[in-house]
Amino acid sequence: MKICQICHKPYSAVPALSRKDNKTLICPICATGEALDAAGIIEGSKLREDILQMVSKGYADQGINVPIPGGEQYAERDHSGAFLQKLH
């Protein structure tokens, strides 16, 4: 399990390269957040939250753990995307 250098949460997905310095490896959720920042999709907007949730669910559907946007550290999900357990 890797630890994201931005959110400091564990993840098992392939790391992404931060747009901020082009050298820091980060989780896919933080990387998506940086891409949304660059696109002008502001934090707290419904569109941004929906996109981050869909990305998270896409990884969970493949059995890959990524941080839950705005939520717990991470949780495993079943095939429907429902949380199996909550981790603190």
PDB file of N, CA and C in Angstrom:
ATOM      1  N   MET A   1       0.851  -1.178   0.000  1.00  0.00           N
ATOM      2  CA  MET A   1       0.000   0.000   0.000  1.00  0.00           C
ATOM      3  C   MET A   1       0.900   1.245   0.000  1.00  0.00           C
ATOM      4  N   LYS A   2       0.588   2.183  -0.853  1.00  0.00           N
ATOM      5  CA  LYS A   2       1.338   3.435  -0.929  1.00  0.00           C
ATOM      6  C   LYS A   2       0.591   4.521  -0.162  1.00  0.00           C
ATOM      7  N   ILE A   3       1.271   5.583   0.221  1.00  0.00           N
ATOM      8  CA  ILE A   3       0.656   6.727   0.895  1.00  0.00           C
ATOM      9  C   ILE A   3       0.768   7.933  -0.030  1.00  0.00           C
ATOM     10  N   CYS A   4      -0.350   8.587  -0.290  1.00  0.00           N
ATOM     11  CA  CYS A   4      -0.377   9.769  -1.150  1.00  0.00           C
ATOM     12  C   CYS A   4       0.347  10.928  -0.457  1.00  0.00           C
ATOM     13  N   GLN A   5       1.170  11.619  -1.210  1.00  0.00           N
ATOM     14  CA  GLN A   5       1.934  12.743  -0.664  1.00  0.00           C
ATOM     15  C   GLN A   5       1.088  14.006  -0.504  1.00  0.00           C
ATOM     16  N   ILE A   6      -0.133  14.001  -1.019  1.00  0.00           N
ATOM     17  CA  ILE A   6      -1.015  15.164  -0.851  1.00  0.00           C
ATOM     18  C   ILE A   6      -2.042  14.925   0.257  1.00  0.00           C
ATOM     19  N   CYS A   7      -2.843  13.867   0.131  1.00  0.00           N
ATOM     20  CA  CYS A   7      -3.904  13.622   1.120  1.00  0.00           C
ATOM     21  C   CYS A   7      -3.429  12.752   2.281  1.00  0.00           C
ATOM     22  N   HIS A   8      -2.267  12.125   2.134  1.00  0.00           N
ATOM     23  CA  HIS A   8      -1.662  11.268   3.171  1.00  0.00           C
ATOM     24  C   HIS A   8      -2.516  10.055   3.502  1.00  0.00           C
ATOM     25  N   LYS A   9      -3.279   9.575   2.520  1.00  0.00           N
ATOM     26  CA  LYS A   9      -4.109   8.390   2.693  1.00  0.00           C
ATOM     27  C   LYS A   9      -3.525   7.233   1.889  1.00  0.00           C
ATOM     28  N   PRO A  10      -3.752   5.989   2.344  1.00  0.00           N
ATOM     29  CA  PRO A  10      -3.224   4.828   1.619  1.00  0.00           C
ATOM     30  C   PRO A  10      -4.023   4.540   0.348  1.00  0.00           C
ATOM     31  N   TYR A  11      -3.323   3.987  -0.644  1.00  0.00           N
ATOM     32  CA  TYR A  11      -3.976   3.563  -1.876  1.00  0.00           C
ATOM     33  C   TYR A  11      -3.153   2.455  -2.513  1.00  0.00           C
ATOM     34  N   SER A  12      -3.805   1.643  -3.360  1.00  0.00           N
ATOM     35  CA  SER A  12      -3.087   0.547  -4.011  1.00  0.00           C
ATOM     36  C   SER A  12      -3.029   0.706  -5.523  1.00  0.00           C
ATOM     37  N   ALA A  13      -3.605   1.757  -6.055  1.00  0.00           N
ATOM     38  CA  ALA A  13      -3.598   2.005  -7.502  1.00  0.00           C
ATOM     39  C   ALA A  13      -2.214   2.436  -7.970  1.00  0.00           C
ATOM     40  N   VAL A  14      -2.023   2.426  -9.271  1.00  0.00           N
ATOM     41  CA  VAL A  14      -0.786   2.951  -9.849  1.00  0.00           C
ATOM     42  C   VAL A  14      -0.731   4.448  -9.532  1.00  0.00           C
ATOM     43  N   PRO A  15       0.397   4.955  -9.036  1.00  0.00           N
ATOM     44  CA  PRO A  15       0.466   6.377  -8.693  1.00  0.00           C
ATOM     45  C   PRO A  15       0.446   7.267  -9.936  1.00  0.00           C
ATOM     46  N   ALA A  16       0.044   8.497  -9.725  1.00  0.00           N
ATOM     47  CA  ALA A  16       0.033   9.509 -10.780  1.00  0.00           C
ATOM     48  C   ALA A  16       1.092  10.556 -10.449  1.00  0.00           C
ATOM     49  N   LEU A  17       1.500  11.297 -11.456  1.00  0.00           N
ATOM     50  CA  LEU A  17       2.483  12.356 -11.274  1.00  0.00           C
ATOM     51  C   LEU A  17       1.759  13.676 -11.035  1.00  0.00           C
ATOM     52  N   SER A  18       2.114  14.352  -9.955  1.00  0.00           N
ATOM     53  CA  SER A  18       1.479  15.629  -9.627  1.00  0.00           C
ATOM     54  C   SER A  18       1.752  16.660 -10.714  1.00  0.00           C
ATOM     55  N   ARG A  19       0.715  17.419 -11.073  1.00  0.00           N
ATOM     56  CA  ARG A  19       0.857  18.504 -12.035  1.00  0.00           C
ATOM     57  C   ARG A  19       1.591  19.693 -11.428  1.00  0.00           C
ATOM     58  N   LYS A  20       1.632  19.753 -10.109  1.00  0.00           N
ATOM     59  CA  LYS A  20       2.212  20.918  -9.437  1.00  0.00           C
ATOM     60  C   LYS A  20       3.725  20.977  -9.560  1.00  0.00           C
ATOM     61  N   ASP A  21       4.400  19.808  -9.491  1.00  0.00           N
ATOM     62  CA  ASP A  21       5.858  19.837  -9.578  1.00  0.00           C
ATOM     63  C   ASP A  21       6.425  18.819 -10.573  1.00  0.00           C
ATOM     64  N   ASN A  22       5.561  18.033 -11.185  1.00  0.00           N
ATOM     65  CA  ASN A  22       5.963  17.025 -12.174  1.00  0.00           C
ATOM     66  C   ASN A  22       6.976  16.008 -11.649  1.00  0.00           C
ATOM     67  N   LYS A  23       6.974  15.784 -10.317  1.00  0.00           N
ATOM     68  CA  LYS A  23       7.864  14.749  -9.778  1.00  0.00           C
ATOM     69  C   LYS A  23       7.265  13.989  -8.599  1.00  0.00           C
ATOM     70  N   THR A  24       6.281  14.548  -7.920  1.00  0.00           N
ATOM     71  CA  THR A  24       5.684  13.903  -6.753  1.00  0.00           C
ATOM     72  C   THR A  24       4.634  12.893  -7.201  1.00  0.00           C
ATOM     73  N   LEU A  25       4.745  11.662  -6.685  1.00  0.00           N
ATOM     74  CA  LEU A  25       3.759  10.625  -6.986  1.00  0.00           C
ATOM     75  C   LEU A  25       2.592  10.744  -6.014  1.00  0.00           C
ATOM     76  N   ILE A  26       1.379  10.767  -6.557  1.00  0.00           N
ATOM     77  CA  ILE A  26       0.167  10.951  -5.754  1.00  0.00           C
ATOM     78  C   ILE A  26      -0.894   9.945  -6.158  1.00  0.00           C
ATOM     79  N   CYS A  27      -1.941   9.843  -5.340  1.00  0.00           N
ATOM     80  CA  CYS A  27      -3.032   8.911  -5.638  1.00  0.00           C
ATOM     81  C   CYS A  27      -3.871   9.425  -6.812  1.00  0.00           C
ATOM     82  N   PRO A  28      -4.606   8.538  -7.464  1.00  0.00           N
ATOM     83  CA  PRO A  28      -5.421   8.945  -8.604  1.00  0.00           C
ATOM     84  C   PRO A  28      -6.508   9.969  -8.251  1.00  0.00           C
ATOM     85  N   ILE A  29      -7.007   9.952  -7.026  1.00  0.00           N
ATOM     86  CA  ILE A  29      -8.048  10.905  -6.642  1.00  0.00           C
ATOM     87  C   ILE A  29      -7.469  12.310  -6.551  1.00  0.00           C
ATOM     88  N   CYS A  30      -6.308  12.458  -5.930  1.00  0.00           N
ATOM     89  CA  CYS A  30      -5.658  13.776  -5.861  1.00  0.00           C
ATOM     90  C   CYS A  30      -5.237  14.239  -7.251  1.00  0.00           C
ATOM     91  N   ALA A  31      -4.787  13.307  -8.092  1.00  0.00           N
ATOM     92  CA  ALA A  31      -4.408  13.657  -9.457  1.00  0.00           C
ATOM     93  C   ALA A  31      -5.617  14.151 -10.242  1.00  0.00           C
ATOM     94  N   THR A  32      -6.741  13.498 -10.052  1.00  0.00           N
ATOM     95  CA  THR A  32      -7.963  13.949 -10.714  1.00  0.00           C
ATOM     96  C   THR A  32      -8.360  15.321 -10.199  1.00  0.00           C
ATOM     97  N   GLY A  33      -8.209  15.545  -8.885  1.00  0.00           N
ATOM     98  CA  GLY A  33      -8.495  16.861  -8.310  1.00  0.00           C
ATOM     99  C   GLY A  33      -7.628  17.947  -8.922  1.00  0.00           C
ATOM    100  N   GLU A  34      -6.346  17.647  -9.137  1.00  0.00           N
ATOM    101  CA  GLU A  34      -5.455  18.623  -9.764  1.00  0.00           C
ATOM    102  C   GLU A  34      -5.885  18.904 -11.200  1.00  0.00           C
ATOM    103  N   ALA A  35      -6.309  17.873 -11.916  1.00  0.00           N
ATOM    104  CA  ALA A  35      -6.781  18.062 -13.296  1.00  0.00           C
ATOM    105  C   ALA A  35      -8.055  18.906 -13.315  1.00  0.00           C
ATOM    106  N   LEU A  36      -8.937  18.658 -12.356  1.00  0.00           N
ATOM    107  CA  LEU A  36     -10.172  19.454 -12.280  1.00  0.00           C
ATOM    108  C   LEU A  36      -9.861  20.907 -11.928  1.00  0.00           C
ATOM    109  N   ASP A  37      -8.871  21.129 -11.055  1.00  0.00           N
ATOM    110  CA  ASP A  37      -8.428  22.494 -10.748  1.00  0.00           C
ATOM    111  C   ASP A  37      -7.984  23.192 -12.029  1.00  0.00           C
ATOM    112  N   ALA A  38      -7.162  22.490 -12.823  1.00  0.00           N
ATOM    113  CA  ALA A  38      -6.644  23.061 -14.071  1.00  0.00           C
ATOM    114  C   ALA A  38      -7.769  23.364 -15.057  1.00  0.00           C
ATOM    115  N   ALA A  39      -8.854  22.580 -14.986  1.00  0.00           N
ATOM    116  CA  ALA A  39      -9.994  22.788 -15.877  1.00  0.00           C
ATOM    117  C   ALA A  39     -10.961  23.842 -15.345  1.00  0.00           C
ATOM    118  N   GLY A  40     -10.692  24.349 -14.144  1.00  0.00           N
ATOM    119  CA  GLY A  40     -11.549  25.382 -13.565  1.00  0.00           C
ATOM    120  C   GLY A  40     -12.796  24.853 -12.880  1.00  0.00           C
ATOM    121  N   ILE A  41     -12.813  23.560 -12.583  1.00  0.00           N
ATOM    122  CA  ILE A  41     -13.951  22.966 -11.872  1.00  0.00           C
ATOM    123  C   ILE A  41     -13.630  23.055 -10.387  1.00  0.00           C
ATOM    124  N   ILE A  42     -14.252  24.015  -9.723  1.00  0.00           N
ATOM    125  CA  ILE A  42     -13.857  24.415  -8.376  1.00  0.00           C
ATOM    126  C   ILE A  42     -14.242  23.399  -7.304  1.00  0.00           C
ATOM    127  N   GLU A  43     -13.427  23.407  -6.248  1.00  0.00           N
ATOM    128  CA  GLU A  43     -13.673  22.540  -5.100  1.00  0.00           C
ATOM    129  C   GLU A  43     -15.007  22.911  -4.458  1.00  0.00           C
ATOM    130  N   GLY A  44     -15.759  21.901  -4.084  1.00  0.00           N
ATOM    131  CA  GLY A  44     -17.055  22.116  -3.462  1.00  0.00           C
ATOM    132  C   GLY A  44     -18.209  22.114  -4.450  1.00  0.00           C
ATOM    133  N   SER A  45     -17.912  22.134  -5.753  1.00  0.00           N
ATOM    134  CA  SER A  45     -18.998  22.122  -6.738  1.00  0.00           C
ATOM    135  C   SER A  45     -19.557  20.714  -6.882  1.00  0.00           C
ATOM    136  N   LYS A  46     -20.817  20.624  -7.210  1.00  0.00           N
ATOM    137  CA  LYS A  46     -21.485  19.333  -7.387  1.00  0.00           C
ATOM    138  C   LYS A  46     -20.820  18.537  -8.514  1.00  0.00           C
ATOM    139  N   LEU A  47     -20.485  19.206  -9.611  1.00  0.00           N
ATOM    140  CA  LEU A  47     -19.850  18.534 -10.743  1.00  0.00           C
ATOM    141  C   LEU A  47     -18.534  17.888 -10.319  1.00  0.00           C
ATOM    142  N   ARG A  48     -17.708  18.632  -9.585  1.00  0.00           N
ATOM    143  CA  ARG A  48     -16.419  18.105  -9.123  1.00  0.00           C
ATOM    144  C   ARG A  48     -16.616  16.892  -8.230  1.00  0.00           C
ATOM    145  N   GLU A  49     -17.530  16.991  -7.275  1.00  0.00           N
ATOM    146  CA  GLU A  49     -17.782  15.871  -6.362  1.00  0.00           C
ATOM    147  C   GLU A  49     -18.283  14.654  -7.116  1.00  0.00           C
ATOM    148  N   ASP A  50     -19.161  14.856  -8.096  1.00  0.00           N
ATOM    149  CA  ASP A  50     -19.668  13.740  -8.900  1.00  0.00           C
ATOM    150  C   ASP A  50     -18.546  13.064  -9.677  1.00  0.00           C
ATOM    151  N   ILE A  51     -17.663  13.862 -10.273  1.00  0.00           N
ATOM    152  CA  ILE A  51     -16.549  13.301 -11.037  1.00  0.00           C
ATOM    153  C   ILE A  51     -15.628  12.497 -10.125  1.00  0.00           C
ATOM    154  N   LEU A  52     -15.265  13.050  -8.971  1.00  0.00           N
ATOM    155  CA  LEU A  52     -14.377  12.349  -8.049  1.00  0.00           C
ATOM    156  C   LEU A  52     -15.004  11.053  -7.538  1.00  0.00           C
ATOM    157  N   GLN A  53     -16.303  11.076  -7.272  1.00  0.00           N
ATOM    158  CA  GLN A  53     -16.982   9.856  -6.824  1.00  0.00           C
ATOM    159  C   GLN A  53     -16.986   8.797  -7.923  1.00  0.00           C
ATOM    160  N   MET A  54     -17.189   9.207  -9.177  1.00  0.00           N
ATOM    161  CA  MET A  54     -17.195   8.254 -10.293  1.00  0.00           C
ATOM    162  C   MET A  54     -15.804   7.642 -10.493  1.00  0.00           C
ATOM    163  N   VAL A  55     -14.760   8.445 -10.374  1.00  0.00           N
ATOM    164  CA  VAL A  55     -13.390   7.930 -10.501  1.00  0.00           C
ATOM    165  C   VAL A  55     -13.120   6.920  -9.386  1.00  0.00           C
ATOM    166  N   SER A  56     -13.493   7.278  -8.158  1.00  0.00           N
ATOM    167  CA  SER A  56     -13.301   6.385  -7.018  1.00  0.00           C
ATOM    168  C   SER A  56     -14.051   5.068  -7.225  1.00  0.00           C
ATOM    169  N   LYS A  57     -15.287   5.164  -7.678  1.00  0.00           N
ATOM    170  CA  LYS A  57     -16.092   3.966  -7.911  1.00  0.00           C
ATOM    171  C   LYS A  57     -15.493   3.105  -9.024  1.00  0.00           C
ATOM    172  N   GLY A  58     -14.954   3.745 -10.052  1.00  0.00           N
ATOM    173  CA  GLY A  58     -14.327   2.993 -11.141  1.00  0.00           C
ATOM    174  C   GLY A  58     -13.168   2.141 -10.650  1.00  0.00           C
ATOM    175  N   TYR A  59     -12.352   2.700  -9.775  1.00  0.00           N
ATOM    176  CA  TYR A  59     -11.257   1.925  -9.198  1.00  0.00           C
ATOM    177  C   TYR A  59     -11.797   0.818  -8.298  1.00  0.00           C
ATOM    178  N   ALA A  60     -12.776   1.151  -7.466  1.00  0.00           N
ATOM    179  CA  ALA A  60     -13.345   0.156  -6.546  1.00  0.00           C
ATOM    180  C   ALA A  60     -13.957  -1.009  -7.312  1.00  0.00           C
ATOM    181  N   ASP A  61     -14.587  -0.717  -8.450  1.00  0.00           N
ATOM    182  CA  ASP A  61     -15.180  -1.780  -9.264  1.00  0.00           C
ATOM    183  C   ASP A  61     -14.132  -2.763  -9.770  1.00  0.00           C
ATOM    184  N   GLN A  62     -12.884  -2.315  -9.852  1.00  0.00           N
ATOM    185  CA  GLN A  62     -11.784  -3.171 -10.294  1.00  0.00           C
ATOM    186  C   GLN A  62     -11.040  -3.798  -9.112  1.00  0.00           C
ATOM    187  N   GLY A  63     -11.521  -3.535  -7.886  1.00  0.00           N
ATOM    188  CA  GLY A  63     -10.886  -4.078  -6.695  1.00  0.00           C
ATOM    189  C   GLY A  63      -9.635  -3.331  -6.270  1.00  0.00           C
ATOM    190  N   ILE A  64      -9.503  -2.076  -6.726  1.00  0.00           N
ATOM    191  CA  ILE A  64      -8.333  -1.260  -6.398  1.00  0.00           C
ATOM    192  C   ILE A  64      -8.742  -0.222  -5.359  1.00  0.00           C
ATOM    193  N   ASN A  65      -8.000  -0.151  -4.258  1.00  0.00           N
ATOM    194  CA  ASN A  65      -8.320   0.808  -3.201  1.00  0.00           C
ATOM    195  C   ASN A  65      -7.713   2.170  -3.501  1.00  0.00           C
ATOM    196  N   VAL A  66      -8.560   3.194  -3.447  1.00  0.00           N
ATOM    197  CA  VAL A  66      -8.135   4.590  -3.553  1.00  0.00           C
ATOM    198  C   VAL A  66      -8.858   5.357  -2.451  1.00  0.00           C
ATOM    199  N   PRO A  67      -8.341   6.517  -2.057  1.00  0.00           N
ATOM    200  CA  PRO A  67      -9.045   7.306  -1.042  1.00  0.00           C
ATOM    201  C   PRO A  67     -10.448   7.689  -1.512  1.00  0.00           C
ATOM    202  N   ILE A  68     -11.359   7.754  -0.578  1.00  0.00           N
ATOM    203  CA  ILE A  68     -12.719   8.202  -0.881  1.00  0.00           C
ATOM    204  C   ILE A  68     -12.710   9.723  -0.828  1.00  0.00           C
ATOM    205  N   PRO A  69     -13.122  10.377  -1.891  1.00  0.00           N
ATOM    206  CA  PRO A  69     -13.111  11.840  -1.892  1.00  0.00           C
ATOM    207  C   PRO A  69     -13.938  12.414  -0.754  1.00  0.00           C
ATOM    208  N   GLY A  70     -13.304  13.218   0.086  1.00  0.00           N
ATOM    209  CA  GLY A  70     -13.998  13.894   1.171  1.00  0.00           C
ATOM    210  C   GLY A  70     -14.494  12.984   2.274  1.00  0.00           C
ATOM    211  N   GLY A  71     -14.033  11.737   2.297  1.00  0.00           N
ATOM    212  CA  GLY A  71     -14.584  10.807   3.267  1.00  0.00           C
ATOM    213  C   GLY A  71     -13.544  10.105   4.104  1.00  0.00           C
ATOM    214  N   GLU A  72     -13.826   8.869   4.424  1.00  0.00           N
ATOM    215  CA  GLU A  72     -12.955   8.061   5.251  1.00  0.00           C
ATOM    216  C   GLU A  72     -11.616   7.863   4.545  1.00  0.00           C
ATOM    217  N   GLN A  73     -10.701   7.246   5.259  1.00  0.00           N
ATOM    218  CA  GLN A  73      -9.389   6.997   4.675  1.00  0.00           C
ATOM    219  C   GLN A  73      -9.538   6.192   3.382  1.00  0.00           C
ATOM    220  N   TYR A  74     -10.145   5.069   3.441  1.00  0.00           N
ATOM    221  CA  TYR A  74     -10.579   4.313   2.280  1.00  0.00           C
ATOM    222  C   TYR A  74     -11.427   3.171   2.789  1.00  0.00           C
ATOM    223  N   ALA A  75     -12.176   2.580   1.916  1.00  0.00           N
ATOM    224  CA  ALA A  75     -13.003   1.442   2.294  1.00  0.00           C
ATOM    225  C   ALA A  75     -13.083   0.500   1.113  1.00  0.00           C
ATOM    226  N   GLU A  76     -13.264  -0.747   1.398  1.00  0.00           N
ATOM    227  CA  GLU A  76     -13.483  -1.698   0.318  1.00  0.00           C
ATOM    228  C   GLU A  76     -14.944  -1.641  -0.068  1.00  0.00           C
ATOM    229  N   ARG A  77     -15.225  -1.907  -1.332  1.00  0.00           N
ATOM    230  CA  ARG A  77     -16.599  -1.850  -1.821  1.00  0.00           C
ATOM    231  C   ARG A  77     -16.963  -3.162  -2.491  1.00  0.00           C
ATOM    232  N   ASP A  78     -18.270  -3.440  -2.516  1.00  0.00           N
ATOM    233  CA  ASP A  78     -18.723  -4.611  -3.255  1.00  0.00           C
ATOM    234  C   ASP A  78     -18.903  -4.212  -4.718  1.00  0.00           C
ATOM    235  N   HIS A  79     -19.404  -5.124  -5.546  1.00  0.00           N
ATOM    236  CA  HIS A  79     -19.519  -4.855  -6.980  1.00  0.00           C
ATOM    237  C   HIS A  79     -20.502  -3.745  -7.315  1.00  0.00           C
ATOM    238  N   SER A  80     -21.436  -3.446  -6.422  1.00  0.00           N
ATOM    239  CA  SER A  80     -22.394  -2.363  -6.677  1.00  0.00           C
ATOM    240  C   SER A  80     -21.840  -1.002  -6.256  1.00  0.00           C
ATOM    241  N   GLY A  81     -20.662  -1.008  -5.605  1.00  0.00           N
ATOM    242  CA  GLY A  81     -20.073   0.243  -5.129  1.00  0.00           C
ATOM    243  C   GLY A  81     -20.395   0.544  -3.681  1.00  0.00           C
ATOM    244  N   ALA A  82     -21.189  -0.313  -3.034  1.00  0.00           N
ATOM    245  CA  ALA A  82     -21.534  -0.103  -1.624  1.00  0.00           C
ATOM    246  C   ALA A  82     -20.321  -0.411  -0.744  1.00  0.00           C
ATOM    247  N   PHE A  83     -20.136   0.365   0.305  1.00  0.00           N
ATOM    248  CA  PHE A  83     -19.019   0.159   1.209  1.00  0.00           C
ATOM    249  C   PHE A  83     -19.200  -1.102   2.020  1.00  0.00           C
ATOM    250  N   LEU A  84     -18.128  -1.903   2.129  1.00  0.00           N
ATOM    251  CA  LEU A  84     -18.138  -3.105   2.944  1.00  0.00           C
ATOM    252  C   LEU A  84     -17.711  -2.803   4.368  1.00  0.00           C
ATOM    253  N   GLN A  85     -16.786  -1.878   4.528  1.00  0.00           N
ATOM    254  CA  GLN A  85     -16.323  -1.519   5.859  1.00  0.00           C
ATOM    255  C   GLN A  85     -15.826  -0.093   5.848  1.00  0.00           C
ATOM    256  N   LYS A  86     -15.896   0.556   6.990  1.00  0.00           N
ATOM    257  CA  LYS A  86     -15.415   1.917   7.130  1.00  0.00           C
ATOM    258  C   LYS A  86     -14.130   1.893   7.933  1.00  0.00           C
ATOM    259  N   LEU A  87     -13.097   2.533   7.417  1.00  0.00           N
ATOM    260  CA  LEU A  87     -11.820   2.587   8.102  1.00  0.00           C
ATOM    261  C   LEU A  87     -11.578   4.009   8.591  1.00  0.00           C
ATOM    262  N   HIS A  88     -10.952   4.148   9.742  1.00  0.00           N
ATOM    263  CA  HIS A  88     -10.665   5.485  10.280  1.00  0.00           C
ATOM    264  C   HIS A  88      -9.207   5.791  10.147  1.00  0.00           C
TER     265      HIS A  88
END
